[in-house]
């Protein structure tokens, strides 16, 4: 066996050790093994890809871009490397490379340069996947970005209208109207929204009070969501897979609740108290309390 073959065999062993360390959560040690593997065999695309993967999840986009680009150059047929290179390019606003790699993955894009602004349909995305893992609905504007269309809980640090950078691999599914939607994990905030989040506790006497509330907000530039009836909680196994029968339903109450917690996304041109005062005047409902989400909860864009 010549020296080249010996080095390739050693690199494969080091790379396998790095993957084991990565699985155990020993990230820095895994990177060291991958770098040793590259020193033994610089043309091993897998080691470059693995380091690029680590840096993707750490949000180290310059490094992720560099290693994934090398992996792509060494193995142009590897779809995963192309995909992660496109995600890193998107995070860096390198639209030329992002567009090229998405197209190489068989995706048809609108326009020929600059940011990709499409409507690829609705998708659920998971905020803070390593923490609470709240799942909200969003509109995909390109393969790695989505605009949040739900009103996230204030503690998530995200807001209605935020544009987020999402991963490309589905982690779980949600079913609506007989159709299954893949859930994508959010990697970071890409562009913050101008909307502010408020939380109101309201009392209703009749379901029509809620219909009036929905109508008033639908006629405004702001948005409201009844968290009392729309939120459901899943175990992690269900959230990251397919919800099983006991979890695949909305929360149910024996009787209709008379107090509802309302999430409100307020457009900067509007006053939330004026909107709620109008609702009180046009219904039998009453605002019990209203508070603005702590400004420190907001995420900082990359």
C-alpha atoms as a PDB file:
ATOM      1  CA  UNK A   1       0.000   0.000   0.000  1.00  0.00           C
ATOM      2  CA  UNK A   2       1.518   3.352  -1.029  1.00  0.00           C
ATOM      3  CA  UNK A   3       1.617   6.490   1.108  1.00  0.00           C
ATOM      4  CA  UNK A   4      -1.403   8.039  -0.642  1.00  0.00           C
ATOM      5  CA  UNK A   5      -3.573   5.037   0.133  1.00  0.00           C
ATOM      6  CA  UNK A   6      -2.317   4.968   3.710  1.00  0.00           C
ATOM      7  CA  UNK A   7      -3.232   8.631   4.173  1.00  0.00           C
ATOM      8  CA  UNK A   8      -6.687   8.122   2.636  1.00  0.00           C
ATOM      9  CA  UNK A   9      -7.350   5.217   4.982  1.00  0.00           C
ATOM     10  CA  UNK A  10      -6.179   7.242   7.966  1.00  0.00           C
ATOM     11  CA  UNK A  11      -8.365  10.180   6.878  1.00  0.00           C
ATOM     12  CA  UNK A  12     -11.425   7.949   6.606  1.00  0.00           C
ATOM     13  CA  UNK A  13     -10.794   6.669  10.151  1.00  0.00           C
ATOM     14  CA  UNK A  14     -10.357  10.202  11.532  1.00  0.00           C
ATOM     15  CA  UNK A  15     -13.488  11.366   9.764  1.00  0.00           C
ATOM     16  CA  UNK A  16     -15.506   8.470  11.236  1.00  0.00           C
ATOM     17  CA  UNK A  17     -14.177   9.343  14.702  1.00  0.00           C
ATOM     18  CA  UNK A  18     -15.213  12.957  14.117  1.00  0.00           C
ATOM     19  CA  UNK A  19     -18.739  11.889  13.185  1.00  0.00           C
ATOM     20  CA  UNK A  20     -18.997   9.860  16.393  1.00  0.00           C
ATOM     21  CA  UNK A  21     -17.851  12.862  18.433  1.00  0.00           C
ATOM     22  CA  UNK A  22     -20.366  15.072  16.620  1.00  0.00           C
ATOM     23  CA  UNK A  23     -23.163  12.663  17.506  1.00  0.00           C
ATOM     24  CA  UNK A  24     -22.074  12.834  21.153  1.00  0.00           C
ATOM     25  CA  UNK A  25     -22.215  16.628  21.094  1.00  0.00           C
ATOM     26  CA  UNK A  26     -18.445  17.027  21.419  1.00  0.00           C
ATOM     27  CA  UNK A  27     -18.301  19.597  18.638  1.00  0.00           C
ATOM     28  CA  UNK A  28     -14.837  21.106  19.055  1.00  0.00           C
ATOM     29  CA  UNK A  29     -13.255  17.653  19.253  1.00  0.00           C
ATOM     30  CA  UNK A  30     -15.161  16.608  16.134  1.00  0.00           C
ATOM     31  CA  UNK A  31     -13.819  19.613  14.213  1.00  0.00           C
ATOM     32  CA  UNK A  32     -10.269  18.732  15.288  1.00  0.00           C
ATOM     33  CA  UNK A  33     -10.709  15.201  13.910  1.00  0.00           C
ATOM     34  CA  UNK A  34     -12.110  16.538  10.630  1.00  0.00           C
ATOM     35  CA  UNK A  35      -9.181  18.940  10.277  1.00  0.00           C
ATOM     36  CA  UNK A  36      -6.752  16.076  10.915  1.00  0.00           C
ATOM     37  CA  UNK A  37      -8.567  14.068   8.243  1.00  0.00           C
ATOM     38  CA  UNK A  38      -8.214  16.942   5.772  1.00  0.00           C
ATOM     39  CA  UNK A  39      -4.493  17.234   6.564  1.00  0.00           C
ATOM     40  CA  UNK A  40      -4.114  13.549   5.669  1.00  0.00           C
ATOM     41  CA  UNK A  41      -6.350  13.704   2.605  1.00  0.00           C
ATOM     42  CA  UNK A  42      -7.108  17.254   1.390  1.00  0.00           C
ATOM     43  CA  UNK A  43      -9.347  15.926  -1.373  1.00  0.00           C
ATOM     44  CA  UNK A  44     -11.724  14.101   0.963  1.00  0.00           C
ATOM     45  CA  UNK A  45     -14.973  15.986   0.251  1.00  0.00           C
ATOM     46  CA  UNK A  46     -16.811  14.393   3.184  1.00  0.00           C
ATOM     47  CA  UNK A  47     -14.496  15.917   5.796  1.00  0.00           C
ATOM     48  CA  UNK A  48     -14.922  19.380   4.283  1.00  0.00           C
ATOM     49  CA  UNK A  49     -18.691  18.888   4.202  1.00  0.00           C
ATOM     50  CA  UNK A  50     -18.763  17.734   7.834  1.00  0.00           C
ATOM     51  CA  UNK A  51     -16.913  20.822   9.045  1.00  0.00           C
ATOM     52  CA  UNK A  52     -19.196  23.003   6.939  1.00  0.00           C
ATOM     53  CA  UNK A  53     -22.149  21.296   8.608  1.00  0.00           C
ATOM     54  CA  UNK A  54     -20.810  22.037  12.085  1.00  0.00           C
ATOM     55  CA  UNK A  55     -20.295  25.696  11.236  1.00  0.00           C
ATOM     56  CA  UNK A  56     -23.775  25.913   9.703  1.00  0.00           C
ATOM     57  CA  UNK A  57     -25.369  24.980  13.017  1.00  0.00           C
ATOM     58  CA  UNK A  58     -23.059  27.391  14.828  1.00  0.00           C
ATOM     59  CA  UNK A  59     -23.999  30.246  12.499  1.00  0.00           C
ATOM     60  CA  UNK A  60     -20.353  30.658  11.441  1.00  0.00           C
ATOM     61  CA  UNK A  61     -21.322  31.468   7.884  1.00  0.00           C
ATOM     62  CA  UNK A  62     -17.971  32.503   6.407  1.00  0.00           C
ATOM     63  CA  UNK A  63     -16.442  29.229   7.586  1.00  0.00           C
ATOM     64  CA  UNK A  64     -19.457  27.174   6.556  1.00  0.00           C
ATOM     65  CA  UNK A  65     -19.358  28.778   3.117  1.00  0.00           C
ATOM     66  CA  UNK A  66     -15.645  28.070   2.700  1.00  0.00           C
ATOM     67  CA  UNK A  67     -15.763  24.401   3.675  1.00  0.00           C
ATOM     68  CA  UNK A  68     -18.989  23.652   1.814  1.00  0.00           C
ATOM     69  CA  UNK A  69     -17.634  25.352  -1.297  1.00  0.00           C
ATOM     70  CA  UNK A  70     -14.548  23.124  -1.176  1.00  0.00           C
ATOM     71  CA  UNK A  71     -16.745  20.042  -0.612  1.00  0.00           C
ATOM     72  CA  UNK A  72     -18.841  21.065  -3.605  1.00  0.00           C
ATOM     73  CA  UNK A  73     -15.781  21.584  -5.781  1.00  0.00           C
ATOM     74  CA  UNK A  74     -14.376  18.180  -4.790  1.00  0.00           C
ATOM     75  CA  UNK A  75     -17.702  16.374  -5.270  1.00  0.00           C
ATOM     76  CA  UNK A  76     -20.068  18.398  -7.513  1.00  0.00           C
ATOM     77  CA  UNK A  77     -22.636  15.578  -7.448  1.00  0.00           C
ATOM     78  CA  UNK A  78     -23.179  15.785  -3.683  1.00  0.00           C
ATOM     79  CA  UNK A  79     -26.587  17.439  -3.293  1.00  0.00           C
ATOM     80  CA  UNK A  80     -26.187  18.001   0.457  1.00  0.00           C
ATOM     81  CA  UNK A  81     -23.005  20.038  -0.015  1.00  0.00           C
ATOM     82  CA  UNK A  82     -24.640  22.112  -2.765  1.00  0.00           C
ATOM     83  CA  UNK A  83     -27.648  22.740  -0.531  1.00  0.00           C
ATOM     84  CA  UNK A  84     -25.586  23.794   2.498  1.00  0.00           C
ATOM     85  CA  UNK A  85     -23.405  25.988   0.308  1.00  0.00           C
ATOM     86  CA  UNK A  86     -26.555  27.721  -0.942  1.00  0.00           C
ATOM     87  CA  UNK A  87     -27.784  28.226   2.636  1.00  0.00           C
ATOM     88  CA  UNK A  88     -24.435  29.724   3.690  1.00  0.00           C
ATOM     89  CA  UNK A  89     -24.414  31.958   0.600  1.00  0.00           C
ATOM     90  CA  UNK A  90     -27.934  33.116   1.468  1.00  0.00           C
ATOM     91  CA  UNK A  91     -26.904  33.920   5.046  1.00  0.00           C
ATOM     92  CA  UNK A  92     -24.006  35.980   3.645  1.00  0.00           C
ATOM     93  CA  UNK A  93     -26.269  37.696   1.075  1.00  0.00           C
ATOM     94  CA  UNK A  94     -24.092  36.229  -1.676  1.00  0.00           C
ATOM     95  CA  UNK A  95     -27.002  35.991  -4.094  1.00  0.00           C
ATOM     96  CA  UNK A  96     -24.882  35.060  -7.114  1.00  0.00           C
ATOM     97  CA  UNK A  97     -23.644  31.832  -5.509  1.00  0.00           C
ATOM     98  CA  UNK A  98     -26.975  31.118  -3.802  1.00  0.00           C
ATOM     99  CA  UNK A  99     -28.885  31.390  -7.079  1.00  0.00           C
ATOM    100  CA  UNK A 100     -26.362  29.250  -8.930  1.00  0.00           C
ATOM    101  CA  UNK A 101     -26.450  26.451  -6.347  1.00  0.00           C
ATOM    102  CA  UNK A 102     -30.252  26.434  -6.019  1.00  0.00           C
ATOM    103  CA  UNK A 103     -30.479  26.105  -9.785  1.00  0.00           C
ATOM    104  CA  UNK A 104     -27.925  23.295  -9.749  1.00  0.00           C
ATOM    105  CA  UNK A 105     -30.253  21.559  -7.284  1.00  0.00           C
ATOM    106  CA  UNK A 106     -32.987  21.729  -9.902  1.00  0.00           C
ATOM    107  CA  UNK A 107     -34.931  24.687  -8.509  1.00  0.00           C
ATOM    108  CA  UNK A 108     -36.491  27.243 -10.832  1.00  0.00           C
ATOM    109  CA  UNK A 109     -35.974  30.777  -9.611  1.00  0.00           C
ATOM    110  CA  UNK A 110     -37.563  34.061 -10.543  1.00  0.00           C
ATOM    111  CA  UNK A 111     -35.268  36.859 -11.661  1.00  0.00           C
ATOM    112  CA  UNK A 112     -31.596  36.639 -12.524  1.00  0.00           C
ATOM    113  CA  UNK A 113     -29.792  38.506  -9.748  1.00  0.00           C
ATOM    114  CA  UNK A 114     -30.162  39.887  -6.248  1.00  0.00           C
ATOM    115  CA  UNK A 115     -32.322  38.564  -3.412  1.00  0.00           C
ATOM    116  CA  UNK A 116     -34.827  35.845  -4.259  1.00  0.00           C
ATOM    117  CA  UNK A 117     -38.384  37.023  -3.569  1.00  0.00           C
ATOM    118  CA  UNK A 118     -40.829  34.266  -4.474  1.00  0.00           C
ATOM    119  CA  UNK A 119     -43.939  32.699  -2.994  1.00  0.00           C
ATOM    120  CA  UNK A 120     -43.202  29.019  -2.537  1.00  0.00           C
ATOM    121  CA  UNK A 121     -46.261  28.428  -0.374  1.00  0.00           C
ATOM    122  CA  UNK A 122     -46.876  28.033   3.330  1.00  0.00           C
ATOM    123  CA  UNK A 123     -44.674  25.957   5.594  1.00  0.00           C
ATOM    124  CA  UNK A 124     -44.372  25.403   9.342  1.00  0.00           C
ATOM    125  CA  UNK A 125     -41.018  26.441  10.838  1.00  0.00           C
ATOM    126  CA  UNK A 126     -39.608  25.603  14.260  1.00  0.00           C
ATOM    127  CA  UNK A 127     -38.252  28.537  16.256  1.00  0.00           C
ATOM    128  CA  UNK A 128     -35.355  27.972  18.666  1.00  0.00           C
ATOM    129  CA  UNK A 129     -35.200  24.223  17.911  1.00  0.00           C
ATOM    130  CA  UNK A 130     -32.668  23.586  20.687  1.00  0.00           C
ATOM    131  CA  UNK A 131     -34.923  25.200  23.280  1.00  0.00           C
ATOM    132  CA  UNK A 132     -38.735  25.325  23.340  1.00  0.00           C
ATOM    133  CA  UNK A 133     -39.214  24.444  19.703  1.00  0.00           C
ATOM    134  CA  UNK A 134     -42.356  26.542  19.022  1.00  0.00           C
ATOM    135  CA  UNK A 135     -43.714  25.813  15.531  1.00  0.00           C
ATOM    136  CA  UNK A 136     -45.352  28.637  13.570  1.00  0.00           C
ATOM    137  CA  UNK A 137     -46.561  29.078  10.000  1.00  0.00           C
ATOM    138  CA  UNK A 138     -44.588  31.024   7.424  1.00  0.00           C
ATOM    139  CA  UNK A 139     -44.465  31.792   3.714  1.00  0.00           C
ATOM    140  CA  UNK A 140     -41.359  30.492   1.961  1.00  0.00           C
ATOM    141  CA  UNK A 141     -39.793  33.243  -0.135  1.00  0.00           C
ATOM    142  CA  UNK A 142     -36.856  31.117  -1.252  1.00  0.00           C
ATOM    143  CA  UNK A 143     -35.570  27.636  -0.368  1.00  0.00           C
ATOM    144  CA  UNK A 144     -33.784  28.903   2.761  1.00  0.00           C
ATOM    145  CA  UNK A 145     -35.897  31.859   3.883  1.00  0.00           C
ATOM    146  CA  UNK A 146     -39.443  32.266   5.116  1.00  0.00           C
ATOM    147  CA  UNK A 147     -41.614  35.121   6.381  1.00  0.00           C
ATOM    148  CA  UNK A 148     -43.453  34.347   9.636  1.00  0.00           C
ATOM    149  CA  UNK A 149     -47.233  34.582   9.200  1.00  0.00           C
ATOM    150  CA  UNK A 150     -48.243  33.469  12.715  1.00  0.00           C
ATOM    151  CA  UNK A 151     -47.774  35.540  15.874  1.00  0.00           C
ATOM    152  CA  UNK A 152     -45.031  33.817  17.894  1.00  0.00           C
ATOM    153  CA  UNK A 153     -45.052  33.812  21.687  1.00  0.00           C
ATOM    154  CA  UNK A 154     -43.066  36.827  22.969  1.00  0.00           C
ATOM    155  CA  UNK A 155     -40.583  34.584  24.791  1.00  0.00           C
ATOM    156  CA  UNK A 156     -39.490  33.098  21.456  1.00  0.00           C
ATOM    157  CA  UNK A 157     -37.759  36.361  20.535  1.00  0.00           C
ATOM    158  CA  UNK A 158     -39.410  36.294  17.104  1.00  0.00           C
ATOM    159  CA  UNK A 159     -42.209  38.432  15.678  1.00  0.00           C
ATOM    160  CA  UNK A 160     -44.929  38.343  13.059  1.00  0.00           C
ATOM    161  CA  UNK A 161     -43.373  39.339   9.731  1.00  0.00           C
ATOM    162  CA  UNK A 162     -39.798  38.357  10.623  1.00  0.00           C
ATOM    163  CA  UNK A 163     -37.851  36.804   7.769  1.00  0.00           C
ATOM    164  CA  UNK A 164     -35.947  33.788   9.058  1.00  0.00           C
ATOM    165  CA  UNK A 165     -33.205  31.615   7.649  1.00  0.00           C
ATOM    166  CA  UNK A 166     -34.329  27.985   7.709  1.00  0.00           C
ATOM    167  CA  UNK A 167     -32.541  24.680   7.321  1.00  0.00           C
ATOM    168  CA  UNK A 168     -33.231  22.483   4.318  1.00  0.00           C
ATOM    169  CA  UNK A 169     -33.966  19.160   6.023  1.00  0.00           C
ATOM    170  CA  UNK A 170     -37.471  18.456   7.322  1.00  0.00           C
ATOM    171  CA  UNK A 171     -37.630  17.745  11.067  1.00  0.00           C
ATOM    172  CA  UNK A 172     -41.199  16.626  11.660  1.00  0.00           C
ATOM    173  CA  UNK A 173     -44.480  17.140   9.824  1.00  0.00           C
ATOM    174  CA  UNK A 174     -47.827  18.862  10.351  1.00  0.00           C
ATOM    175  CA  UNK A 175     -51.085  17.892   8.674  1.00  0.00           C
ATOM    176  CA  UNK A 176     -53.752  20.425   7.716  1.00  0.00           C
ATOM    177  CA  UNK A 177     -56.791  19.702   5.587  1.00  0.00           C
ATOM    178  CA  UNK A 178     -55.507  16.259   4.686  1.00  0.00           C
ATOM    179  CA  UNK A 179     -52.202  17.658   3.401  1.00  0.00           C
ATOM    180  CA  UNK A 180     -48.869  17.023   5.105  1.00  0.00           C
ATOM    181  CA  UNK A 181     -46.360  19.853   5.465  1.00  0.00           C
ATOM    182  CA  UNK A 182     -42.678  19.371   6.392  1.00  0.00           C
ATOM    183  CA  UNK A 183     -41.388  21.389   9.353  1.00  0.00           C
ATOM    184  CA  UNK A 184     -38.078  23.208   8.864  1.00  0.00           C
ATOM    185  CA  UNK A 185     -35.875  24.333  11.742  1.00  0.00           C
ATOM    186  CA  UNK A 186     -35.027  28.028  11.909  1.00  0.00           C
ATOM    187  CA  UNK A 187     -31.295  28.696  11.939  1.00  0.00           C
ATOM    188  CA  UNK A 188     -31.462  32.407  12.760  1.00  0.00           C
ATOM    189  CA  UNK A 189     -33.253  35.695  12.183  1.00  0.00           C
ATOM    190  CA  UNK A 190     -32.444  37.040   8.722  1.00  0.00           C
ATOM    191  CA  UNK A 191     -34.427  40.301   8.670  1.00  0.00           C
ATOM    192  CA  UNK A 192     -36.470  41.691  11.586  1.00  0.00           C
ATOM    193  CA  UNK A 193     -40.087  42.751  11.280  1.00  0.00           C
ATOM    194  CA  UNK A 194     -41.358  46.239  12.085  1.00  0.00           C
ATOM    195  CA  UNK A 195     -44.394  44.785  13.895  1.00  0.00           C
ATOM    196  CA  UNK A 196     -44.567  44.857  17.702  1.00  0.00           C
ATOM    197  CA  UNK A 197     -46.090  42.059  19.763  1.00  0.00           C
ATOM    198  CA  UNK A 198     -48.778  42.690  22.360  1.00  0.00           C
ATOM    199  CA  UNK A 199     -50.683  40.206  24.482  1.00  0.00           C
ATOM    200  CA  UNK A 200     -54.269  40.937  25.480  1.00  0.00           C
ATOM    201  CA  UNK A 201     -56.579  39.067  27.812  1.00  0.00           C
ATOM    202  CA  UNK A 202     -60.193  39.573  26.749  1.00  0.00           C
ATOM    203  CA  UNK A 203     -63.566  38.447  28.072  1.00  0.00           C
ATOM    204  CA  UNK A 204     -66.304  37.413  25.652  1.00  0.00           C
ATOM    205  CA  UNK A 205     -69.983  36.768  26.118  1.00  0.00           C
ATOM    206  CA  UNK A 206     -70.626  35.135  22.754  1.00  0.00           C
ATOM    207  CA  UNK A 207     -68.532  33.537  19.955  1.00  0.00           C
ATOM    208  CA  UNK A 208     -69.626  36.419  17.736  1.00  0.00           C
ATOM    209  CA  UNK A 209     -67.412  38.671  19.860  1.00  0.00           C
ATOM    210  CA  UNK A 210     -64.391  36.824  18.523  1.00  0.00           C
ATOM    211  CA  UNK A 211     -65.688  37.097  14.968  1.00  0.00           C
ATOM    212  CA  UNK A 212     -65.944  40.865  15.458  1.00  0.00           C
ATOM    213  CA  UNK A 213     -62.378  40.927  16.752  1.00  0.00           C
ATOM    214  CA  UNK A 214     -61.156  38.997  13.704  1.00  0.00           C
ATOM    215  CA  UNK A 215     -63.034  41.346  11.362  1.00  0.00           C
ATOM    216  CA  UNK A 216     -61.634  44.502  12.926  1.00  0.00           C
ATOM    217  CA  UNK A 217     -58.066  43.254  12.681  1.00  0.00           C
ATOM    218  CA  UNK A 218     -58.577  41.914   9.150  1.00  0.00           C
ATOM    219  CA  UNK A 219     -59.585  45.444   8.143  1.00  0.00           C
ATOM    220  CA  UNK A 220     -56.405  46.856   9.685  1.00  0.00           C
ATOM    221  CA  UNK A 221     -52.718  46.454   8.886  1.00  0.00           C
ATOM    222  CA  UNK A 222     -52.191  44.675  12.212  1.00  0.00           C
ATOM    223  CA  UNK A 223     -52.964  41.033  13.018  1.00  0.00           C
ATOM    224  CA  UNK A 224     -54.498  39.133  15.928  1.00  0.00           C
ATOM    225  CA  UNK A 225     -54.468  35.455  16.852  1.00  0.00           C
ATOM    226  CA  UNK A 226     -56.544  33.701  19.508  1.00  0.00           C
ATOM    227  CA  UNK A 227     -53.903  31.654  21.302  1.00  0.00           C
ATOM    228  CA  UNK A 228     -56.533  30.116  23.579  1.00  0.00           C
ATOM    229  CA  UNK A 229     -57.989  27.997  20.769  1.00  0.00           C
ATOM    230  CA  UNK A 230     -55.199  27.797  18.168  1.00  0.00           C
ATOM    231  CA  UNK A 231     -52.264  26.603  20.271  1.00  0.00           C
ATOM    232  CA  UNK A 232     -51.554  22.932  20.918  1.00  0.00           C
ATOM    233  CA  UNK A 233     -48.641  21.367  22.763  1.00  0.00           C
ATOM    234  CA  UNK A 234     -46.799  18.307  21.485  1.00  0.00           C
ATOM    235  CA  UNK A 235     -44.196  16.065  23.050  1.00  0.00           C
ATOM    236  CA  UNK A 236     -40.797  16.339  21.367  1.00  0.00           C
ATOM    237  CA  UNK A 237     -41.185  12.962  19.664  1.00  0.00           C
ATOM    238  CA  UNK A 238     -44.402  14.124  17.993  1.00  0.00           C
ATOM    239  CA  UNK A 239     -43.131  17.612  17.228  1.00  0.00           C
ATOM    240  CA  UNK A 240     -40.099  16.279  15.376  1.00  0.00           C
ATOM    241  CA  UNK A 241     -41.959  13.405  13.734  1.00  0.00           C
ATOM    242  CA  UNK A 242     -45.600  12.879  12.868  1.00  0.00           C
ATOM    243  CA  UNK A 243     -48.038  13.732  15.691  1.00  0.00           C
ATOM    244  CA  UNK A 244     -49.698  10.572  16.970  1.00  0.00           C
ATOM    245  CA  UNK A 245     -53.435  10.263  17.445  1.00  0.00           C
ATOM    246  CA  UNK A 246     -53.610  11.614  21.000  1.00  0.00           C
ATOM    247  CA  UNK A 247     -51.759  14.778  19.987  1.00  0.00           C
ATOM    248  CA  UNK A 248     -53.076  15.359  16.486  1.00  0.00           C
ATOM    249  CA  UNK A 249     -55.880  17.685  17.489  1.00  0.00           C
ATOM    250  CA  UNK A 250     -56.406  21.186  18.814  1.00  0.00           C
ATOM    251  CA  UNK A 251     -56.708  21.723  22.518  1.00  0.00           C
ATOM    252  CA  UNK A 252     -60.247  20.989  23.634  1.00  0.00           C
ATOM    253  CA  UNK A 253     -62.258  22.514  26.456  1.00  0.00           C
ATOM    254  CA  UNK A 254     -65.329  20.970  28.036  1.00  0.00           C
ATOM    255  CA  UNK A 255     -66.993  24.383  27.773  1.00  0.00           C
ATOM    256  CA  UNK A 256     -66.224  27.434  25.668  1.00  0.00           C
ATOM    257  CA  UNK A 257     -63.760  29.599  27.639  1.00  0.00           C
ATOM    258  CA  UNK A 258     -64.994  33.085  28.470  1.00  0.00           C
ATOM    259  CA  UNK A 259     -61.467  34.526  28.734  1.00  0.00           C
ATOM    260  CA  UNK A 260     -59.159  34.384  25.741  1.00  0.00           C
ATOM    261  CA  UNK A 261     -55.463  35.186  25.419  1.00  0.00           C
ATOM    262  CA  UNK A 262     -54.951  37.113  22.196  1.00  0.00           C
ATOM    263  CA  UNK A 263     -51.600  37.584  20.500  1.00  0.00           C
ATOM    264  CA  UNK A 264     -51.485  40.844  18.561  1.00  0.00           C
ATOM    265  CA  UNK A 265     -48.951  41.978  15.962  1.00  0.00           C
ATOM    266  CA  UNK A 266     -49.218  45.755  15.719  1.00  0.00           C
ATOM    267  CA  UNK A 267     -48.226  47.618  12.577  1.00  0.00           C
ATOM    268  CA  UNK A 268     -46.106  50.718  13.370  1.00  0.00           C
ATOM    269  CA  UNK A 269     -48.760  52.968  11.829  1.00  0.00           C
ATOM    270  CA  UNK A 270     -51.514  51.771  14.180  1.00  0.00           C
ATOM    271  CA  UNK A 271     -52.468  51.986  17.867  1.00  0.00           C
ATOM    272  CA  UNK A 272     -53.434  48.677  19.434  1.00  0.00           C
ATOM    273  CA  UNK A 273     -55.566  50.345  22.095  1.00  0.00           C
ATOM    274  CA  UNK A 274     -57.628  52.144  19.473  1.00  0.00           C
ATOM    275  CA  UNK A 275     -58.277  48.848  17.693  1.00  0.00           C
ATOM    276  CA  UNK A 276     -59.342  47.154  20.913  1.00  0.00           C
ATOM    277  CA  UNK A 277     -61.501  50.113  21.931  1.00  0.00           C
ATOM    278  CA  UNK A 278     -63.290  49.825  18.599  1.00  0.00           C
ATOM    279  CA  UNK A 279     -63.819  46.116  19.291  1.00  0.00           C
ATOM    280  CA  UNK A 280     -65.341  46.858  22.712  1.00  0.00           C
ATOM    281  CA  UNK A 281     -67.672  49.411  21.099  1.00  0.00           C
ATOM    282  CA  UNK A 282     -68.842  46.962  18.413  1.00  0.00           C
ATOM    283  CA  UNK A 283     -69.234  43.836  20.566  1.00  0.00           C
ATOM    284  CA  UNK A 284     -70.081  42.665  24.056  1.00  0.00           C
ATOM    285  CA  UNK A 285     -66.434  41.821  24.695  1.00  0.00           C
ATOM    286  CA  UNK A 286     -64.181  43.504  27.216  1.00  0.00           C
ATOM    287  CA  UNK A 287     -60.418  43.974  27.377  1.00  0.00           C
ATOM    288  CA  UNK A 288     -59.178  42.756  30.769  1.00  0.00           C
ATOM    289  CA  UNK A 289     -55.509  43.520  30.254  1.00  0.00           C
ATOM    290  CA  UNK A 290     -53.000  44.343  27.550  1.00  0.00           C
ATOM    291  CA  UNK A 291     -49.226  44.416  27.645  1.00  0.00           C
ATOM    292  CA  UNK A 292     -46.446  44.927  25.189  1.00  0.00           C
ATOM    293  CA  UNK A 293     -43.884  42.168  24.830  1.00  0.00           C
ATOM    294  CA  UNK A 294     -40.547  43.029  26.418  1.00  0.00           C
ATOM    295  CA  UNK A 295     -38.396  44.822  23.879  1.00  0.00           C
ATOM    296  CA  UNK A 296     -35.398  42.767  25.005  1.00  0.00           C
ATOM    297  CA  UNK A 297     -37.065  39.604  23.671  1.00  0.00           C
ATOM    298  CA  UNK A 298     -36.347  40.577  20.066  1.00  0.00           C
ATOM    299  CA  UNK A 299     -33.670  38.698  18.142  1.00  0.00           C
ATOM    300  CA  UNK A 300     -30.804  40.494  16.469  1.00  0.00           C
ATOM    301  CA  UNK A 301     -30.405  39.818  12.736  1.00  0.00           C
ATOM    302  CA  UNK A 302     -27.257  38.144  11.523  1.00  0.00           C
END
